[in-house]
Amino acid sequence: MLTGLLFFVATTVGIIRFPDFYSRVHAAGKGDTLSTTLFLGGAILYILRDFNGETLLTAVKLLLIVFYIFIASPTATHAIIDAGYEFRVPYWTRSSETKRAKGEETVEEDLDNGFYPEELKG
Protein backbone atom coordinates (compact mmCIF):
# COMPACT_ATOMS: atom_id res chain seq x y z
CA MET A 1 0.00 0.00 0.00
CA LEU A 2 2.90 2.35 0.70
CA THR A 3 4.33 1.66 -2.75
CA GLY A 4 0.96 2.57 -4.27
CA LEU A 5 0.98 5.78 -2.27
CA LEU A 6 4.49 6.52 -3.51
CA PHE A 7 3.32 6.12 -7.11
CA PHE A 8 0.34 8.41 -6.44
CA VAL A 9 2.79 11.08 -5.26
CA ALA A 10 5.00 10.51 -8.33
CA THR A 11 1.93 10.84 -10.56
CA THR A 12 1.04 14.13 -8.91
CA VAL A 13 4.56 15.44 -9.41
CA GLY A 14 4.43 14.37 -13.08
CA ILE A 15 1.13 16.16 -13.63
CA ILE A 16 2.52 19.33 -12.11
CA ARG A 17 5.98 19.25 -13.73
CA PHE A 18 5.39 18.00 -17.28
CA PRO A 19 5.14 20.75 -19.91
CA ASP A 20 2.16 19.82 -22.09
CA PHE A 21 -1.22 18.14 -22.18
CA TYR A 22 -0.04 14.86 -23.69
CA SER A 23 2.74 14.13 -21.24
CA ARG A 24 0.55 15.11 -18.28
CA VAL A 25 -2.24 12.79 -19.37
CA HIS A 26 0.34 10.05 -19.93
CA ALA A 27 1.64 10.48 -16.37
CA ALA A 28 -1.87 10.51 -14.97
CA GLY A 29 -2.95 7.41 -16.88
CA LYS A 30 0.10 5.26 -16.16
CA GLY A 31 0.57 6.38 -12.58
CA ASP A 32 -3.09 6.09 -11.70
CA THR A 33 -3.35 2.55 -13.04
CA LEU A 34 -0.22 1.29 -11.33
CA SER A 35 -0.74 3.05 -8.01
CA THR A 36 -4.37 1.99 -7.70
CA THR A 37 -3.43 -1.59 -8.52
CA LEU A 38 -0.68 -1.62 -5.91
CA PHE A 39 -2.91 0.01 -3.32
CA LEU A 40 -5.77 -2.44 -3.87
CA GLY A 41 -3.32 -5.36 -3.98
CA GLY A 42 -2.11 -4.33 -0.54
CA ALA A 43 -5.70 -4.10 0.65
CA ILE A 44 -6.36 -7.62 -0.67
CA LEU A 45 -3.35 -8.98 1.21
CA TYR A 46 -4.42 -7.15 4.36
CA ILE A 47 -7.97 -8.49 4.16
CA LEU A 48 -6.82 -12.06 3.56
CA ARG A 49 -4.75 -12.18 6.76
CA ASP A 50 -7.91 -13.46 8.49
CA PHE A 51 -8.92 -16.03 5.88
CA ASN A 52 -12.60 -17.05 5.77
CA GLY A 53 -15.43 -17.04 3.24
CA GLU A 54 -16.38 -13.41 3.83
CA THR A 55 -12.84 -12.06 3.41
CA LEU A 56 -12.33 -14.24 0.34
CA LEU A 57 -15.47 -12.76 -1.24
CA THR A 58 -14.25 -9.24 -0.44
CA ALA A 59 -10.84 -10.02 -1.92
CA VAL A 60 -12.46 -11.32 -5.12
CA LYS A 61 -14.51 -8.13 -5.38
CA LEU A 62 -11.37 -6.02 -5.00
CA LEU A 63 -9.65 -8.16 -7.62
CA LEU A 64 -12.54 -7.47 -10.01
CA ILE A 65 -12.08 -3.75 -9.36
CA VAL A 66 -8.37 -4.10 -10.22
CA PHE A 67 -9.32 -5.90 -13.45
CA TYR A 68 -11.80 -3.15 -14.33
CA ILE A 69 -9.19 -0.45 -13.69
CA PHE A 70 -6.70 -2.29 -15.93
CA ILE A 71 -9.26 -2.16 -18.75
CA ALA A 72 -10.91 1.23 -18.17
CA SER A 73 -8.00 3.50 -17.24
CA PRO A 74 -5.84 2.99 -20.37
CA THR A 75 -8.95 3.16 -22.54
CA ALA A 76 -10.03 6.46 -20.97
CA THR A 77 -6.49 7.85 -21.25
CA HIS A 78 -6.39 6.97 -24.94
CA ALA A 79 -9.79 8.60 -25.52
CA ILE A 80 -8.69 11.80 -23.77
CA ILE A 81 -5.44 11.99 -25.74
CA ASP A 82 -7.29 11.27 -28.99
CA ALA A 83 -9.76 14.07 -28.23
CA GLY A 84 -6.86 16.45 -27.56
CA TYR A 85 -5.29 15.41 -30.85
CA GLU A 86 -8.54 15.97 -32.75
CA PHE A 87 -8.94 19.43 -31.19
CA ARG A 88 -5.33 20.26 -32.10
CA VAL A 89 -4.00 20.72 -28.60
CA PRO A 90 -0.41 21.81 -29.32
CA TYR A 91 2.58 19.65 -28.54
CA TRP A 92 5.46 20.88 -26.42
CA THR A 93 8.66 21.57 -28.31
CA ARG A 94 12.04 22.67 -27.03
CA SER A 95 11.93 25.79 -29.22
CA SER A 96 8.72 26.99 -27.56
CA GLU A 97 10.34 26.50 -24.14
CA THR A 98 13.42 28.46 -25.26
CA LYS A 99 11.26 31.34 -26.52
CA ARG A 100 9.32 31.39 -23.27
CA ALA A 101 12.59 31.52 -21.27
CA LYS A 102 13.79 34.49 -23.35
CA GLY A 103 10.51 36.31 -22.74
CA GLU A 104 9.35 36.05 -26.33
CA GLU A 105 5.72 35.37 -27.08
CA THR A 106 4.87 31.92 -28.44
CA VAL A 107 2.08 31.48 -30.92
CA GLU A 108 0.20 28.30 -31.74
CA GLU A 109 2.13 27.77 -34.97
CA ASP A 110 5.38 27.62 -32.97
CA LEU A 111 3.98 24.81 -30.83
CA ASP A 112 2.92 22.70 -33.80
CA ASN A 113 5.67 20.22 -34.56
CA GLY A 114 4.10 18.88 -37.75
CA PHE A 115 2.60 15.60 -36.56
CA TYR A 116 -0.95 16.44 -37.62
CA PRO A 117 -2.49 14.60 -40.56
CA GLU A 118 -3.15 16.72 -43.62
CA GLU A 119 -6.94 16.65 -43.20
CA LEU A 120 -6.64 18.29 -39.77
CA LYS A 121 -4.34 21.13 -40.81
CA GLY A 122 -7.22 23.32 -42.04
C-alpha atoms as a PDB file:
ATOM      1  CA  MET A   1       0.000   0.000   0.000  1.00  0.00           C
ATOM      2  CA  LEU A   2       2.902   2.352   0.701  1.00  0.00           C
ATOM      3  CA  THR A   3       4.330   1.655  -2.748  1.00  0.00           C
ATOM      4  CA  GLY A   4       0.961   2.566  -4.266  1.00  0.00           C
ATOM      5  CA  LEU A   5       0.975   5.784  -2.269  1.00  0.00           C
ATOM      6  CA  LEU A   6       4.492   6.524  -3.513  1.00  0.00           C
ATOM      7  CA  PHE A   7       3.319   6.121  -7.112  1.00  0.00           C
ATOM      8  CA  PHE A   8       0.336   8.414  -6.438  1.00  0.00           C
ATOM      9  CA  VAL A   9       2.786  11.082  -5.261  1.00  0.00           C
ATOM     10  CA  ALA A  10       4.996  10.511  -8.327  1.00  0.00           C
ATOM     11  CA  THR A  11       1.930  10.842 -10.561  1.00  0.00           C
ATOM     12  CA  THR A  12       1.039  14.128  -8.911  1.00  0.00           C
ATOM     13  CA  VAL A  13       4.564  15.436  -9.410  1.00  0.00           C
ATOM     14  CA  GLY A  14       4.431  14.366 -13.076  1.00  0.00           C
ATOM     15  CA  ILE A  15       1.134  16.157 -13.632  1.00  0.00           C
ATOM     16  CA  ILE A  16       2.523  19.335 -12.111  1.00  0.00           C
ATOM     17  CA  ARG A  17       5.976  19.252 -13.726  1.00  0.00           C
ATOM     18  CA  PHE A  18       5.387  18.003 -17.283  1.00  0.00           C
ATOM     19  CA  PRO A  19       5.142  20.754 -19.909  1.00  0.00           C
ATOM     20  CA  ASP A  20       2.155  19.824 -22.085  1.00  0.00           C
ATOM     21  CA  PHE A  21      -1.223  18.142 -22.179  1.00  0.00           C
ATOM     22  CA  TYR A  22      -0.044  14.862 -23.689  1.00  0.00           C
ATOM     23  CA  SER A  23       2.743  14.127 -21.237  1.00  0.00           C
ATOM     24  CA  ARG A  24       0.547  15.109 -18.281  1.00  0.00           C
ATOM     25  CA  VAL A  25      -2.242  12.791 -19.369  1.00  0.00           C
ATOM     26  CA  HIS A  26       0.337  10.054 -19.928  1.00  0.00           C
ATOM     27  CA  ALA A  27       1.642  10.483 -16.374  1.00  0.00           C
ATOM     28  CA  ALA A  28      -1.868  10.511 -14.970  1.00  0.00           C
ATOM     29  CA  GLY A  29      -2.948   7.409 -16.878  1.00  0.00           C
ATOM     30  CA  LYS A  30       0.099   5.264 -16.162  1.00  0.00           C
ATOM     31  CA  GLY A  31       0.567   6.377 -12.583  1.00  0.00           C
ATOM     32  CA  ASP A  32      -3.086   6.092 -11.695  1.00  0.00           C
ATOM     33  CA  THR A  33      -3.354   2.550 -13.038  1.00  0.00           C
ATOM     34  CA  LEU A  34      -0.219   1.286 -11.332  1.00  0.00           C
ATOM     35  CA  SER A  35      -0.742   3.046  -8.008  1.00  0.00           C
ATOM     36  CA  THR A  36      -4.372   1.990  -7.701  1.00  0.00           C
ATOM     37  CA  THR A  37      -3.435  -1.590  -8.522  1.00  0.00           C
ATOM     38  CA  LEU A  38      -0.680  -1.616  -5.909  1.00  0.00           C
ATOM     39  CA  PHE A  39      -2.907   0.009  -3.319  1.00  0.00           C
ATOM     40  CA  LEU A  40      -5.766  -2.439  -3.868  1.00  0.00           C
ATOM     41  CA  GLY A  41      -3.319  -5.356  -3.980  1.00  0.00           C
ATOM     42  CA  GLY A  42      -2.105  -4.328  -0.537  1.00  0.00           C
ATOM     43  CA  ALA A  43      -5.701  -4.104   0.646  1.00  0.00           C
ATOM     44  CA  ILE A  44      -6.364  -7.621  -0.666  1.00  0.00           C
ATOM     45  CA  LEU A  45      -3.352  -8.982   1.215  1.00  0.00           C
ATOM     46  CA  TYR A  46      -4.421  -7.146   4.359  1.00  0.00           C
ATOM     47  CA  ILE A  47      -7.975  -8.488   4.159  1.00  0.00           C
ATOM     48  CA  LEU A  48      -6.822 -12.057   3.557  1.00  0.00           C
ATOM     49  CA  ARG A  49      -4.750 -12.178   6.757  1.00  0.00           C
ATOM     50  CA  ASP A  50      -7.914 -13.458   8.494  1.00  0.00           C
ATOM     51  CA  PHE A  51      -8.920 -16.034   5.885  1.00  0.00           C
ATOM     52  CA  ASN A  52     -12.598 -17.049   5.774  1.00  0.00           C
ATOM     53  CA  GLY A  53     -15.430 -17.041   3.243  1.00  0.00           C
ATOM     54  CA  GLU A  54     -16.375 -13.411   3.829  1.00  0.00           C
ATOM     55  CA  THR A  55     -12.842 -12.061   3.410  1.00  0.00           C
ATOM     56  CA  LEU A  56     -12.328 -14.240   0.342  1.00  0.00           C
ATOM     57  CA  LEU A  57     -15.468 -12.756  -1.245  1.00  0.00           C
ATOM     58  CA  THR A  58     -14.254  -9.239  -0.436  1.00  0.00           C
ATOM     59  CA  ALA A  59     -10.835 -10.022  -1.918  1.00  0.00           C
ATOM     60  CA  VAL A  60     -12.463 -11.324  -5.121  1.00  0.00           C
ATOM     61  CA  LYS A  61     -14.514  -8.133  -5.385  1.00  0.00           C
ATOM     62  CA  LEU A  62     -11.367  -6.019  -5.002  1.00  0.00           C
ATOM     63  CA  LEU A  63      -9.647  -8.158  -7.616  1.00  0.00           C
ATOM     64  CA  LEU A  64     -12.540  -7.474 -10.009  1.00  0.00           C
ATOM     65  CA  ILE A  65     -12.080  -3.749  -9.358  1.00  0.00           C
ATOM     66  CA  VAL A  66      -8.366  -4.104 -10.221  1.00  0.00           C
ATOM     67  CA  PHE A  67      -9.322  -5.903 -13.447  1.00  0.00           C
ATOM     68  CA  TYR A  68     -11.801  -3.147 -14.329  1.00  0.00           C
ATOM     69  CA  ILE A  69      -9.185  -0.447 -13.690  1.00  0.00           C
ATOM     70  CA  PHE A  70      -6.696  -2.292 -15.925  1.00  0.00           C
ATOM     71  CA  ILE A  71      -9.258  -2.159 -18.753  1.00  0.00           C
ATOM     72  CA  ALA A  72     -10.907   1.232 -18.167  1.00  0.00           C
ATOM     73  CA  SER A  73      -7.999   3.501 -17.245  1.00  0.00           C
ATOM     74  CA  PRO A  74      -5.842   2.991 -20.367  1.00  0.00           C
ATOM     75  CA  THR A  75      -8.954   3.162 -22.543  1.00  0.00           C
ATOM     76  CA  ALA A  76     -10.027   6.458 -20.971  1.00  0.00           C
ATOM     77  CA  THR A  77      -6.494   7.852 -21.250  1.00  0.00           C
ATOM     78  CA  HIS A  78      -6.390   6.966 -24.935  1.00  0.00           C
ATOM     79  CA  ALA A  79      -9.793   8.595 -25.519  1.00  0.00           C
ATOM     80  CA  ILE A  80      -8.691  11.799 -23.775  1.00  0.00           C
ATOM     81  CA  ILE A  81      -5.442  11.995 -25.744  1.00  0.00           C
ATOM     82  CA  ASP A  82      -7.294  11.268 -28.993  1.00  0.00           C
ATOM     83  CA  ALA A  83      -9.756  14.074 -28.232  1.00  0.00           C
ATOM     84  CA  GLY A  84      -6.858  16.449 -27.563  1.00  0.00           C
ATOM     85  CA  TYR A  85      -5.286  15.411 -30.849  1.00  0.00           C
ATOM     86  CA  GLU A  86      -8.541  15.973 -32.748  1.00  0.00           C
ATOM     87  CA  PHE A  87      -8.945  19.427 -31.189  1.00  0.00           C
ATOM     88  CA  ARG A  88      -5.330  20.259 -32.100  1.00  0.00           C
ATOM     89  CA  VAL A  89      -3.998  20.716 -28.597  1.00  0.00           C
ATOM     90  CA  PRO A  90      -0.414  21.808 -29.323  1.00  0.00           C
ATOM     91  CA  TYR A  91       2.583  19.646 -28.538  1.00  0.00           C
ATOM     92  CA  TRP A  92       5.462  20.876 -26.422  1.00  0.00           C
ATOM     93  CA  THR A  93       8.658  21.569 -28.306  1.00  0.00           C
ATOM     94  CA  ARG A  94      12.039  22.673 -27.028  1.00  0.00           C
ATOM     95  CA  SER A  95      11.933  25.785 -29.221  1.00  0.00           C
ATOM     96  CA  SER A  96       8.721  26.991 -27.556  1.00  0.00           C
ATOM     97  CA  GLU A  97      10.340  26.500 -24.144  1.00  0.00           C
ATOM     98  CA  THR A  98      13.415  28.464 -25.263  1.00  0.00           C
ATOM     99  CA  LYS A  99      11.263  31.335 -26.520  1.00  0.00           C
ATOM    100  CA  ARG A 100       9.320  31.392 -23.271  1.00  0.00           C
ATOM    101  CA  ALA A 101      12.586  31.520 -21.270  1.00  0.00           C
ATOM    102  CA  LYS A 102      13.785  34.493 -23.346  1.00  0.00           C
ATOM    103  CA  GLY A 103      10.513  36.308 -22.736  1.00  0.00           C
ATOM    104  CA  GLU A 104       9.352  36.051 -26.330  1.00  0.00           C
ATOM    105  CA  GLU A 105       5.717  35.366 -27.084  1.00  0.00           C
ATOM    106  CA  THR A 106       4.875  31.918 -28.439  1.00  0.00           C
ATOM    107  CA  VAL A 107       2.082  31.476 -30.917  1.00  0.00           C
ATOM    108  CA  GLU A 108       0.201  28.299 -31.744  1.00  0.00           C
ATOM    109  CA  GLU A 109       2.135  27.768 -34.975  1.00  0.00           C
ATOM    110  CA  ASP A 110       5.377  27.623 -32.967  1.00  0.00           C
ATOM    111  CA  LEU A 111       3.984  24.815 -30.826  1.00  0.00           C
ATOM    112  CA  ASP A 112       2.918  22.704 -33.799  1.00  0.00           C
ATOM    113  CA  ASN A 113       5.666  20.221 -34.563  1.00  0.00           C
ATOM    114  CA  GLY A 114       4.100  18.876 -37.751  1.00  0.00           C
ATOM    115  CA  PHE A 115       2.599  15.600 -36.565  1.00  0.00           C
ATOM    116  CA  TYR A 116      -0.948  16.445 -37.616  1.00  0.00           C
ATOM    117  CA  PRO A 117      -2.493  14.598 -40.559  1.00  0.00           C
ATOM    118  CA  GLU A 118      -3.149  16.724 -43.618  1.00  0.00           C
ATOM    119  CA  GLU A 119      -6.945  16.652 -43.202  1.00  0.00           C
ATOM    120  CA  LEU A 120      -6.642  18.294 -39.768  1.00  0.00           C
ATOM    121  CA  LYS A 121      -4.336  21.134 -40.812  1.00  0.00           C
ATOM    122  CA  GLY A 122      -7.219  23.323 -42.040  1.00  0.00           C
END
